[in-house]
PDB file of N, CA and C in Angstrom:
ATOM      1  N   UNK A   1     -37.566 -36.534  75.753  1.00  0.00           N
ATOM      2  CA  UNK A   1     -38.831 -36.976  75.208  1.00  0.00           C
ATOM      3  C   UNK A   1     -39.711 -37.463  76.367  1.00  0.00           C
ATOM      4  N   UNK A   2     -40.926 -37.094  76.287  1.00  0.00           N
ATOM      5  CA  UNK A   2     -41.849 -37.311  77.385  1.00  0.00           C
ATOM      6  C   UNK A   2     -42.178 -38.791  77.622  1.00  0.00           C
ATOM      7  N   UNK A   3     -42.360 -39.579  76.564  1.00  0.00           N
ATOM      8  CA  UNK A   3     -42.824 -40.956  76.708  1.00  0.00           C
ATOM      9  C   UNK A   3     -41.742 -42.004  76.444  1.00  0.00           C
ATOM     10  N   UNK A   4     -40.508 -41.605  76.291  1.00  0.00           N
ATOM     11  CA  UNK A   4     -39.434 -42.526  75.938  1.00  0.00           C
ATOM     12  C   UNK A   4     -39.299 -43.652  76.959  1.00  0.00           C
ATOM     13  N   UNK A   5     -39.278 -43.310  78.223  1.00  0.00           N
ATOM     14  CA  UNK A   5     -39.111 -44.324  79.268  1.00  0.00           C
ATOM     15  C   UNK A   5     -40.269 -45.332  79.257  1.00  0.00           C
ATOM     16  N   UNK A   6     -41.491 -44.843  79.091  1.00  0.00           N
ATOM     17  CA  UNK A   6     -42.655 -45.726  79.078  1.00  0.00           C
ATOM     18  C   UNK A   6     -42.613 -46.680  77.889  1.00  0.00           C
ATOM     19  N   UNK A   7     -42.251 -46.167  76.720  1.00  0.00           N
ATOM     20  CA  UNK A   7     -42.153 -47.002  75.520  1.00  0.00           C
ATOM     21  C   UNK A   7     -41.053 -48.038  75.706  1.00  0.00           C
ATOM     22  N   UNK A   8     -39.925 -47.611  76.219  1.00  0.00           N
ATOM     23  CA  UNK A   8     -38.792 -48.517  76.450  1.00  0.00           C
ATOM     24  C   UNK A   8     -39.197 -49.657  77.393  1.00  0.00           C
ATOM     25  N   UNK A   9     -39.822 -49.329  78.495  1.00  0.00           N
ATOM     26  CA  UNK A   9     -40.208 -50.344  79.473  1.00  0.00           C
ATOM     27  C   UNK A   9     -41.275 -51.300  78.942  1.00  0.00           C
ATOM     28  N   UNK A  10     -42.228 -50.773  78.199  1.00  0.00           N
ATOM     29  CA  UNK A  10     -43.329 -51.600  77.701  1.00  0.00           C
ATOM     30  C   UNK A  10     -42.895 -52.539  76.576  1.00  0.00           C
ATOM     31  N   UNK A  11     -42.058 -52.060  75.656  1.00  0.00           N
ATOM     32  CA  UNK A  11     -41.732 -52.830  74.459  1.00  0.00           C
ATOM     33  C   UNK A  11     -40.396 -53.571  74.518  1.00  0.00           C
ATOM     34  N   UNK A  12     -39.645 -53.445  75.608  1.00  0.00           N
ATOM     35  CA  UNK A  12     -38.363 -54.145  75.663  1.00  0.00           C
ATOM     36  C   UNK A  12     -38.533 -55.655  75.769  1.00  0.00           C
ATOM     37  N   UNK A  13     -39.673 -56.111  76.235  1.00  0.00           N
ATOM     38  CA  UNK A  13     -39.911 -57.544  76.394  1.00  0.00           C
ATOM     39  C   UNK A  13     -40.381 -58.222  75.106  1.00  0.00           C
ATOM     40  N   UNK A  14     -40.895 -57.460  74.157  1.00  0.00           N
ATOM     41  CA  UNK A  14     -41.396 -58.063  72.914  1.00  0.00           C
ATOM     42  C   UNK A  14     -40.298 -58.030  71.849  1.00  0.00           C
ATOM     43  N   UNK A  15     -40.262 -59.028  70.962  1.00  0.00           N
ATOM     44  CA  UNK A  15     -39.203 -59.053  69.960  1.00  0.00           C
ATOM     45  C   UNK A  15     -39.324 -57.950  68.915  1.00  0.00           C
ATOM     46  N   UNK A  16     -40.537 -57.557  68.575  1.00  0.00           N
ATOM     47  CA  UNK A  16     -40.737 -56.521  67.555  1.00  0.00           C
ATOM     48  C   UNK A  16     -42.059 -55.806  67.800  1.00  0.00           C
ATOM     49  N   UNK A  17     -42.137 -54.579  67.320  1.00  0.00           N
ATOM     50  CA  UNK A  17     -43.349 -53.787  67.472  1.00  0.00           C
ATOM     51  C   UNK A  17     -43.456 -52.809  66.308  1.00  0.00           C
ATOM     52  N   UNK A  18     -44.653 -52.284  66.118  1.00  0.00           N
ATOM     53  CA  UNK A  18     -44.897 -51.337  65.033  1.00  0.00           C
ATOM     54  C   UNK A  18     -45.225 -49.964  65.620  1.00  0.00           C
ATOM     55  N   UNK A  19     -45.258 -48.986  64.743  1.00  0.00           N
ATOM     56  CA  UNK A  19     -45.678 -47.643  65.161  1.00  0.00           C
ATOM     57  C   UNK A  19     -47.119 -47.693  65.654  1.00  0.00           C
ATOM     58  N   UNK A  20     -47.940 -48.528  65.015  1.00  0.00           N
ATOM     59  CA  UNK A  20     -49.330 -48.679  65.454  1.00  0.00           C
ATOM     60  C   UNK A  20     -49.417 -49.228  66.873  1.00  0.00           C
ATOM     61  N   UNK A  21     -48.513 -50.143  67.210  1.00  0.00           N
ATOM     62  CA  UNK A  21     -48.485 -50.682  68.577  1.00  0.00           C
ATOM     63  C   UNK A  21     -48.201 -49.572  69.591  1.00  0.00           C
ATOM     64  N   UNK A  22     -47.263 -48.704  69.261  1.00  0.00           N
ATOM     65  CA  UNK A  22     -46.949 -47.580  70.163  1.00  0.00           C
ATOM     66  C   UNK A  22     -48.135 -46.631  70.247  1.00  0.00           C
ATOM     67  N   UNK A  23     -48.780 -46.411  69.114  1.00  0.00           N
ATOM     68  CA  UNK A  23     -49.934 -45.505  69.079  1.00  0.00           C
ATOM     69  C   UNK A  23     -51.061 -46.034  69.969  1.00  0.00           C
ATOM     70  N   UNK A  24     -51.318 -47.339  69.918  1.00  0.00           N
ATOM     71  CA  UNK A  24     -52.342 -47.931  70.768  1.00  0.00           C
ATOM     72  C   UNK A  24     -51.934 -47.822  72.235  1.00  0.00           C
ATOM     73  N   UNK A  25     -50.665 -48.114  72.526  1.00  0.00           N
ATOM     74  CA  UNK A  25     -50.162 -48.051  73.900  1.00  0.00           C
ATOM     75  C   UNK A  25     -50.271 -46.646  74.479  1.00  0.00           C
ATOM     76  N   UNK A  26     -49.914 -45.644  73.696  1.00  0.00           N
ATOM     77  CA  UNK A  26     -49.931 -44.262  74.188  1.00  0.00           C
ATOM     78  C   UNK A  26     -51.195 -43.499  73.795  1.00  0.00           C
ATOM     79  N   UNK A  27     -52.137 -44.179  73.158  1.00  0.00           N
ATOM     80  CA  UNK A  27     -53.357 -43.524  72.686  1.00  0.00           C
ATOM     81  C   UNK A  27     -54.160 -42.847  73.777  1.00  0.00           C
ATOM     82  N   UNK A  28     -54.197 -43.443  74.931  1.00  0.00           N
ATOM     83  CA  UNK A  28     -54.967 -42.879  76.049  1.00  0.00           C
ATOM     84  C   UNK A  28     -54.366 -41.573  76.542  1.00  0.00           C
ATOM     85  N   UNK A  29     -53.104 -41.372  76.255  1.00  0.00           N
ATOM     86  CA  UNK A  29     -52.417 -40.162  76.706  1.00  0.00           C
ATOM     87  C   UNK A  29     -52.558 -39.015  75.703  1.00  0.00           C
ATOM     88  N   UNK A  30     -53.204 -39.291  74.568  1.00  0.00           N
ATOM     89  CA  UNK A  30     -53.452 -38.247  73.578  1.00  0.00           C
ATOM     90  C   UNK A  30     -52.239 -37.859  72.756  1.00  0.00           C
ATOM     91  N   UNK A  31     -51.347 -38.810  72.486  1.00  0.00           N
ATOM     92  CA  UNK A  31     -50.147 -38.514  71.702  1.00  0.00           C
ATOM     93  C   UNK A  31     -50.538 -38.234  70.239  1.00  0.00           C
ATOM     94  N   UNK A  32     -49.964 -37.212  69.672  1.00  0.00           N
ATOM     95  CA  UNK A  32     -50.260 -36.878  68.281  1.00  0.00           C
ATOM     96  C   UNK A  32     -49.419 -37.731  67.341  1.00  0.00           C
ATOM     97  N   UNK A  33     -49.854 -37.840  66.098  1.00  0.00           N
ATOM     98  CA  UNK A  33     -49.140 -38.626  65.092  1.00  0.00           C
ATOM     99  C   UNK A  33     -47.739 -38.069  64.851  1.00  0.00           C
ATOM    100  N   UNK A  34     -47.608 -36.746  64.801  1.00  0.00           N
ATOM    101  CA  UNK A  34     -46.301 -36.137  64.551  1.00  0.00           C
ATOM    102  C   UNK A  34     -45.344 -36.364  65.722  1.00  0.00           C
ATOM    103  N   UNK A  35     -45.853 -36.289  66.948  1.00  0.00           N
ATOM    104  CA  UNK A  35     -45.005 -36.530  68.113  1.00  0.00           C
ATOM    105  C   UNK A  35     -44.587 -37.995  68.175  1.00  0.00           C
ATOM    106  N   UNK A  36     -45.493 -38.879  67.800  1.00  0.00           N
ATOM    107  CA  UNK A  36     -45.185 -40.309  67.767  1.00  0.00           C
ATOM    108  C   UNK A  36     -44.047 -40.595  66.792  1.00  0.00           C
ATOM    109  N   UNK A  37     -44.112 -40.019  65.620  1.00  0.00           N
ATOM    110  CA  UNK A  37     -43.059 -40.218  64.620  1.00  0.00           C
ATOM    111  C   UNK A  37     -41.730 -39.595  65.079  1.00  0.00           C
ATOM    112  N   UNK A  38     -41.794 -38.469  65.768  1.00  0.00           N
ATOM    113  CA  UNK A  38     -40.591 -37.847  66.320  1.00  0.00           C
ATOM    114  C   UNK A  38     -39.971 -38.731  67.401  1.00  0.00           C
ATOM    115  N   UNK A  39     -40.796 -39.326  68.226  1.00  0.00           N
ATOM    116  CA  UNK A  39     -40.326 -40.235  69.265  1.00  0.00           C
ATOM    117  C   UNK A  39     -39.580 -41.421  68.646  1.00  0.00           C
ATOM    118  N   UNK A  40     -40.170 -42.038  67.632  1.00  0.00           N
ATOM    119  CA  UNK A  40     -39.531 -43.172  66.950  1.00  0.00           C
ATOM    120  C   UNK A  40     -38.244 -42.719  66.267  1.00  0.00           C
ATOM    121  N   UNK A  41     -38.279 -41.569  65.623  1.00  0.00           N
ATOM    122  CA  UNK A  41     -37.091 -41.032  64.950  1.00  0.00           C
ATOM    123  C   UNK A  41     -35.941 -40.849  65.947  1.00  0.00           C
ATOM    124  N   UNK A  42     -36.235 -40.277  67.100  1.00  0.00           N
ATOM    125  CA  UNK A  42     -35.193 -40.039  68.103  1.00  0.00           C
ATOM    126  C   UNK A  42     -34.644 -41.340  68.681  1.00  0.00           C
ATOM    127  N   UNK A  43     -35.510 -42.329  68.883  1.00  0.00           N
ATOM    128  CA  UNK A  43     -35.034 -43.627  69.365  1.00  0.00           C
ATOM    129  C   UNK A  43     -34.130 -44.296  68.328  1.00  0.00           C
ATOM    130  N   UNK A  44     -34.473 -44.154  67.057  1.00  0.00           N
ATOM    131  CA  UNK A  44     -33.624 -44.684  65.984  1.00  0.00           C
ATOM    132  C   UNK A  44     -32.290 -43.955  65.931  1.00  0.00           C
ATOM    133  N   UNK A  45     -32.342 -42.644  66.040  1.00  0.00           N
ATOM    134  CA  UNK A  45     -31.132 -41.822  65.961  1.00  0.00           C
ATOM    135  C   UNK A  45     -30.156 -42.140  67.090  1.00  0.00           C
ATOM    136  N   UNK A  46     -30.691 -42.399  68.290  1.00  0.00           N
ATOM    137  CA  UNK A  46     -29.855 -42.747  69.439  1.00  0.00           C
ATOM    138  C   UNK A  46     -29.351 -44.182  69.359  1.00  0.00           C
ATOM    139  N   UNK A  47     -29.921 -44.977  68.466  1.00  0.00           N
ATOM    140  CA  UNK A  47     -29.522 -46.379  68.348  1.00  0.00           C
ATOM    141  C   UNK A  47     -30.191 -47.285  69.363  1.00  0.00           C
ATOM    142  N   UNK A  48     -31.229 -46.796  70.022  1.00  0.00           N
ATOM    143  CA  UNK A  48     -31.929 -47.619  71.016  1.00  0.00           C
ATOM    144  C   UNK A  48     -32.802 -48.673  70.354  1.00  0.00           C
ATOM    145  N   UNK A  49     -33.398 -48.335  69.227  1.00  0.00           N
ATOM    146  CA  UNK A  49     -34.201 -49.309  68.495  1.00  0.00           C
ATOM    147  C   UNK A  49     -33.577 -49.536  67.126  1.00  0.00           C
ATOM    148  N   UNK A  50     -33.878 -50.687  66.566  1.00  0.00           N
ATOM    149  CA  UNK A  50     -33.399 -51.049  65.230  1.00  0.00           C
ATOM    150  C   UNK A  50     -34.597 -51.181  64.310  1.00  0.00           C
ATOM    151  N   UNK A  51     -34.437 -50.737  63.076  1.00  0.00           N
ATOM    152  CA  UNK A  51     -35.500 -50.871  62.086  1.00  0.00           C
ATOM    153  C   UNK A  51     -35.364 -52.227  61.412  1.00  0.00           C
ATOM    154  N   UNK A  52     -36.394 -53.045  61.513  1.00  0.00           N
ATOM    155  CA  UNK A  52     -36.390 -54.354  60.868  1.00  0.00           C
ATOM    156  C   UNK A  52     -36.860 -54.210  59.430  1.00  0.00           C
ATOM    157  N   UNK A  53     -37.980 -53.550  59.239  1.00  0.00           N
ATOM    158  CA  UNK A  53     -38.501 -53.212  57.922  1.00  0.00           C
ATOM    159  C   UNK A  53     -39.384 -51.986  58.108  1.00  0.00           C
ATOM    160  N   UNK A  54     -39.995 -51.539  57.069  1.00  0.00           N
ATOM    161  CA  UNK A  54     -40.764 -50.301  57.146  1.00  0.00           C
ATOM    162  C   UNK A  54     -41.853 -50.386  58.218  1.00  0.00           C
ATOM    163  N   UNK A  55     -41.732 -49.546  59.228  1.00  0.00           N
ATOM    164  CA  UNK A  55     -42.719 -49.459  60.293  1.00  0.00           C
ATOM    165  C   UNK A  55     -42.609 -50.520  61.367  1.00  0.00           C
ATOM    166  N   UNK A  56     -41.597 -51.387  61.293  1.00  0.00           N
ATOM    167  CA  UNK A  56     -41.422 -52.450  62.281  1.00  0.00           C
ATOM    168  C   UNK A  56     -40.053 -52.291  62.927  1.00  0.00           C
ATOM    169  N   UNK A  57     -40.031 -52.275  64.271  1.00  0.00           N
ATOM    170  CA  UNK A  57     -38.827 -51.961  65.026  1.00  0.00           C
ATOM    171  C   UNK A  57     -38.615 -52.963  66.148  1.00  0.00           C
ATOM    172  N   UNK A  58     -37.404 -52.949  66.721  1.00  0.00           N
ATOM    173  CA  UNK A  58     -37.083 -53.816  67.848  1.00  0.00           C
ATOM    174  C   UNK A  58     -36.032 -53.140  68.722  1.00  0.00           C
ATOM    175  N   UNK A  59     -36.086 -53.417  70.003  1.00  0.00           N
ATOM    176  CA  UNK A  59     -35.042 -52.968  70.915  1.00  0.00           C
ATOM    177  C   UNK A  59     -33.882 -53.953  70.923  1.00  0.00           C
ATOM    178  N   UNK A  60     -34.073 -55.124  70.357  1.00  0.00           N
ATOM    179  CA  UNK A  60     -33.060 -56.176  70.367  1.00  0.00           C
ATOM    180  C   UNK A  60     -32.117 -56.067  69.176  1.00  0.00           C
ATOM    181  N   UNK A  61     -30.907 -56.561  69.371  1.00  0.00           N
ATOM    182  CA  UNK A  61     -29.898 -56.544  68.313  1.00  0.00           C
ATOM    183  C   UNK A  61     -29.695 -57.920  67.689  1.00  0.00           C
ATOM    184  N   UNK A  62     -30.448 -58.903  68.123  1.00  0.00           N
ATOM    185  CA  UNK A  62     -30.280 -60.267  67.645  1.00  0.00           C
ATOM    186  C   UNK A  62     -30.801 -60.415  66.217  1.00  0.00           C
ATOM    187  N   UNK A  63     -30.138 -61.263  65.452  1.00  0.00           N
ATOM    188  CA  UNK A  63     -30.553 -61.466  64.059  1.00  0.00           C
ATOM    189  C   UNK A  63     -31.883 -62.202  63.952  1.00  0.00           C
ATOM    190  N   UNK A  64     -32.278 -62.935  64.969  1.00  0.00           N
ATOM    191  CA  UNK A  64     -33.518 -63.706  64.892  1.00  0.00           C
ATOM    192  C   UNK A  64     -34.769 -62.833  64.792  1.00  0.00           C
ATOM    193  N   UNK A  65     -34.701 -61.581  65.206  1.00  0.00           N
ATOM    194  CA  UNK A  65     -35.897 -60.739  65.161  1.00  0.00           C
ATOM    195  C   UNK A  65     -36.224 -60.273  63.749  1.00  0.00           C
ATOM    196  N   UNK A  66     -35.330 -60.477  62.799  1.00  0.00           N
ATOM    197  CA  UNK A  66     -35.564 -60.007  61.433  1.00  0.00           C
ATOM    198  C   UNK A  66     -36.813 -60.635  60.821  1.00  0.00           C
ATOM    199  N   UNK A  67     -37.158 -61.833  61.218  1.00  0.00           N
ATOM    200  CA  UNK A  67     -38.339 -62.490  60.675  1.00  0.00           C
ATOM    201  C   UNK A  67     -39.627 -61.745  60.954  1.00  0.00           C
ATOM    202  N   UNK A  68     -39.682 -60.996  62.048  1.00  0.00           N
ATOM    203  CA  UNK A  68     -40.903 -60.282  62.411  1.00  0.00           C
ATOM    204  C   UNK A  68     -41.251 -59.172  61.415  1.00  0.00           C
ATOM    205  N   UNK A  69     -40.331 -58.838  60.549  1.00  0.00           N
ATOM    206  CA  UNK A  69     -40.607 -57.851  59.515  1.00  0.00           C
ATOM    207  C   UNK A  69     -41.302 -58.444  58.308  1.00  0.00           C
ATOM    208  N   UNK A  70     -41.406 -59.772  58.270  1.00  0.00           N
ATOM    209  CA  UNK A  70     -41.945 -60.462  57.100  1.00  0.00           C
ATOM    210  C   UNK A  70     -42.884 -61.570  57.549  1.00  0.00           C
ATOM    211  N   UNK A  71     -44.023 -61.219  58.054  1.00  0.00           N
ATOM    212  CA  UNK A  71     -44.962 -62.208  58.574  1.00  0.00           C
ATOM    213  C   UNK A  71     -45.827 -62.775  57.460  1.00  0.00           C
ATOM    214  N   UNK A  72     -46.216 -64.020  57.490  1.00  0.00           N
ATOM    215  CA  UNK A  72     -45.761 -65.051  58.403  1.00  0.00           C
ATOM    216  C   UNK A  72     -44.355 -65.489  58.042  1.00  0.00           C
ATOM    217  N   UNK A  73     -43.621 -65.955  59.024  1.00  0.00           N
ATOM    218  CA  UNK A  73     -42.257 -66.408  58.774  1.00  0.00           C
ATOM    219  C   UNK A  73     -41.961 -67.620  59.641  1.00  0.00           C
ATOM    220  N   UNK A  74     -40.941 -68.332  59.237  1.00  0.00           N
ATOM    221  CA  UNK A  74     -40.487 -69.518  59.968  1.00  0.00           C
ATOM    222  C   UNK A  74     -38.979 -69.507  59.966  1.00  0.00           C
ATOM    223  N   UNK A  75     -38.383 -70.072  60.991  1.00  0.00           N
ATOM    224  CA  UNK A  75     -36.935 -70.223  61.012  1.00  0.00           C
ATOM    225  C   UNK A  75     -36.577 -71.511  60.293  1.00  0.00           C
ATOM    226  N   UNK A  76     -35.405 -71.528  59.649  1.00  0.00           N
ATOM    227  CA  UNK A  76     -34.900 -72.749  59.053  1.00  0.00           C
ATOM    228  C   UNK A  76     -34.652 -73.777  60.147  1.00  0.00           C
ATOM    229  N   UNK A  77     -34.612 -75.055  59.777  1.00  0.00           N
ATOM    230  CA  UNK A  77     -34.512 -76.123  60.762  1.00  0.00           C
ATOM    231  C   UNK A  77     -33.298 -75.980  61.679  1.00  0.00           C
ATOM    232  N   UNK A  78     -32.123 -75.746  61.127  1.00  0.00           N
ATOM    233  CA  UNK A  78     -30.933 -75.649  61.970  1.00  0.00           C
ATOM    234  C   UNK A  78     -31.007 -74.448  62.904  1.00  0.00           C
ATOM    235  N   UNK A  79     -31.521 -73.328  62.403  1.00  0.00           N
ATOM    236  CA  UNK A  79     -31.648 -72.145  63.249  1.00  0.00           C
ATOM    237  C   UNK A  79     -32.666 -72.392  64.361  1.00  0.00           C
ATOM    238  N   UNK A  80     -33.777 -73.043  64.023  1.00  0.00           N
ATOM    239  CA  UNK A  80     -34.789 -73.359  65.034  1.00  0.00           C
ATOM    240  C   UNK A  80     -34.221 -74.296  66.098  1.00  0.00           C
ATOM    241  N   UNK A  81     -33.445 -75.293  65.671  1.00  0.00           N
ATOM    242  CA  UNK A  81     -32.829 -76.206  66.630  1.00  0.00           C
ATOM    243  C   UNK A  81     -31.823 -75.477  67.523  1.00  0.00           C
ATOM    244  N   UNK A  82     -31.083 -74.541  66.942  1.00  0.00           N
ATOM    245  CA  UNK A  82     -30.124 -73.760  67.724  1.00  0.00           C
ATOM    246  C   UNK A  82     -30.837 -72.891  68.764  1.00  0.00           C
ATOM    247  N   UNK A  83     -31.957 -72.299  68.382  1.00  0.00           N
ATOM    248  CA  UNK A  83     -32.708 -71.464  69.317  1.00  0.00           C
ATOM    249  C   UNK A  83     -33.212 -72.272  70.510  1.00  0.00           C
ATOM    250  N   UNK A  84     -33.500 -73.549  70.281  1.00  0.00           N
ATOM    251  CA  UNK A  84     -33.987 -74.439  71.350  1.00  0.00           C
ATOM    252  C   UNK A  84     -32.860 -75.206  72.041  1.00  0.00           C
ATOM    253  N   UNK A  85     -31.608 -74.833  71.714  1.00  0.00           N
ATOM    254  CA  UNK A  85     -30.423 -75.487  72.286  1.00  0.00           C
ATOM    255  C   UNK A  85     -30.372 -76.987  71.989  1.00  0.00           C
ATOM    256  N   UNK A  86     -30.861 -77.372  70.810  1.00  0.00           N
ATOM    257  CA  UNK A  86     -30.823 -78.765  70.385  1.00  0.00           C
ATOM    258  C   UNK A  86     -29.759 -78.995  69.312  1.00  0.00           C
ATOM    259  N   UNK A  87     -29.123 -77.937  68.862  1.00  0.00           N
ATOM    260  CA  UNK A  87     -28.093 -78.005  67.831  1.00  0.00           C
ATOM    261  C   UNK A  87     -26.950 -77.142  68.316  1.00  0.00           C
ATOM    262  N   UNK A  88     -25.772 -77.714  68.427  1.00  0.00           N
ATOM    263  CA  UNK A  88     -24.673 -76.987  69.042  1.00  0.00           C
ATOM    264  C   UNK A  88     -23.763 -76.277  68.058  1.00  0.00           C
ATOM    265  N   UNK A  89     -23.872 -76.597  66.785  1.00  0.00           N
ATOM    266  CA  UNK A  89     -23.015 -75.947  65.798  1.00  0.00           C
ATOM    267  C   UNK A  89     -23.578 -74.567  65.456  1.00  0.00           C
ATOM    268  N   UNK A  90     -22.674 -73.662  65.159  1.00  0.00           N
ATOM    269  CA  UNK A  90     -23.086 -72.316  64.747  1.00  0.00           C
ATOM    270  C   UNK A  90     -23.721 -72.401  63.357  1.00  0.00           C
ATOM    271  N   UNK A  91     -24.859 -71.763  63.191  1.00  0.00           N
ATOM    272  CA  UNK A  91     -25.548 -71.807  61.892  1.00  0.00           C
ATOM    273  C   UNK A  91     -25.775 -70.400  61.378  1.00  0.00           C
ATOM    274  N   UNK A  92     -25.951 -70.309  60.090  1.00  0.00           N
ATOM    275  CA  UNK A  92     -26.376 -69.044  59.496  1.00  0.00           C
ATOM    276  C   UNK A  92     -27.885 -68.946  59.663  1.00  0.00           C
ATOM    277  N   UNK A  93     -28.381 -67.801  60.112  1.00  0.00           N
ATOM    278  CA  UNK A  93     -29.827 -67.681  60.289  1.00  0.00           C
ATOM    279  C   UNK A  93     -30.540 -67.760  58.941  1.00  0.00           C
ATOM    280  N   UNK A  94     -31.558 -68.605  58.887  1.00  0.00           N
ATOM    281  CA  UNK A  94     -32.377 -68.754  57.689  1.00  0.00           C
ATOM    282  C   UNK A  94     -33.809 -68.443  58.083  1.00  0.00           C
ATOM    283  N   UNK A  95     -34.391 -67.437  57.440  1.00  0.00           N
ATOM    284  CA  UNK A  95     -35.775 -67.072  57.695  1.00  0.00           C
ATOM    285  C   UNK A  95     -36.566 -67.403  56.441  1.00  0.00           C
ATOM    286  N   UNK A  96     -37.601 -68.201  56.597  1.00  0.00           N
ATOM    287  CA  UNK A  96     -38.434 -68.613  55.477  1.00  0.00           C
ATOM    288  C   UNK A  96     -39.728 -67.827  55.582  1.00  0.00           C
ATOM    289  N   UNK A  97     -40.100 -67.187  54.506  1.00  0.00           N
ATOM    290  CA  UNK A  97     -41.297 -66.364  54.524  1.00  0.00           C
ATOM    291  C   UNK A  97     -42.140 -66.664  53.297  1.00  0.00           C
ATOM    292  N   UNK A  98     -43.363 -66.354  53.382  1.00  0.00           N
ATOM    293  CA  UNK A  98     -44.289 -66.545  52.284  1.00  0.00           C
ATOM    294  C   UNK A  98     -44.289 -65.292  51.438  1.00  0.00           C
ATOM    295  N   UNK A  99     -44.218 -65.457  50.125  1.00  0.00           N
ATOM    296  CA  UNK A  99     -44.214 -64.304  49.239  1.00  0.00           C
ATOM    297  C   UNK A  99     -45.560 -63.585  49.238  1.00  0.00           C
ATOM    298  N   UNK A 100     -45.570 -62.394  48.744  1.00  0.00           N
ATOM    299  CA  UNK A 100     -46.777 -61.572  48.704  1.00  0.00           C
ATOM    300  C   UNK A 100     -47.870 -62.193  47.846  1.00  0.00           C
ATOM    301  N   UNK A 101     -47.479 -62.873  46.782  1.00  0.00           N
ATOM    302  CA  UNK A 101     -48.455 -63.391  45.818  1.00  0.00           C
ATOM    303  C   UNK A 101     -48.543 -64.915  45.838  1.00  0.00           C
ATOM    304  N   UNK A 102     -48.224 -65.527  46.939  1.00  0.00           N
ATOM    305  CA  UNK A 102     -48.300 -66.990  47.031  1.00  0.00           C
ATOM    306  C   UNK A 102     -47.087 -67.540  47.726  1.00  0.00           C
ATOM    307  N   UNK A 103     -46.885 -68.819  47.578  1.00  0.00           N
ATOM    308  CA  UNK A 103     -45.777 -69.469  48.240  1.00  0.00           C
ATOM    309  C   UNK A 103     -44.472 -69.131  47.559  1.00  0.00           C
ATOM    310  N   UNK A 104     -43.413 -69.066  48.362  1.00  0.00           N
ATOM    311  CA  UNK A 104     -42.090 -68.872  47.786  1.00  0.00           C
ATOM    312  C   UNK A 104     -41.469 -67.570  48.051  1.00  0.00           C
TER     313      UNK A 104
END
């Protein structure tokens, strides 16, 4: 794939990205919509990226990136403390998100 290395290098530092993000990044190069979808498909097939939710992907395997599929989101208190190395016990990741039609 022609742009695989560029996409890998650009998006490996961010926790999550969308197909639109890749399209903007490679837009100057004239990438077509079908080639863009093929690129994402091949990265998924190789296991290089993980699908968080529809159209949202990550190069990371950590469970904490799952929240980026449901914006806005917040980590539960214990998980947030663990991420900041303020809580030493192992916790189950808790992601709090706002529902589509209001709170909850």
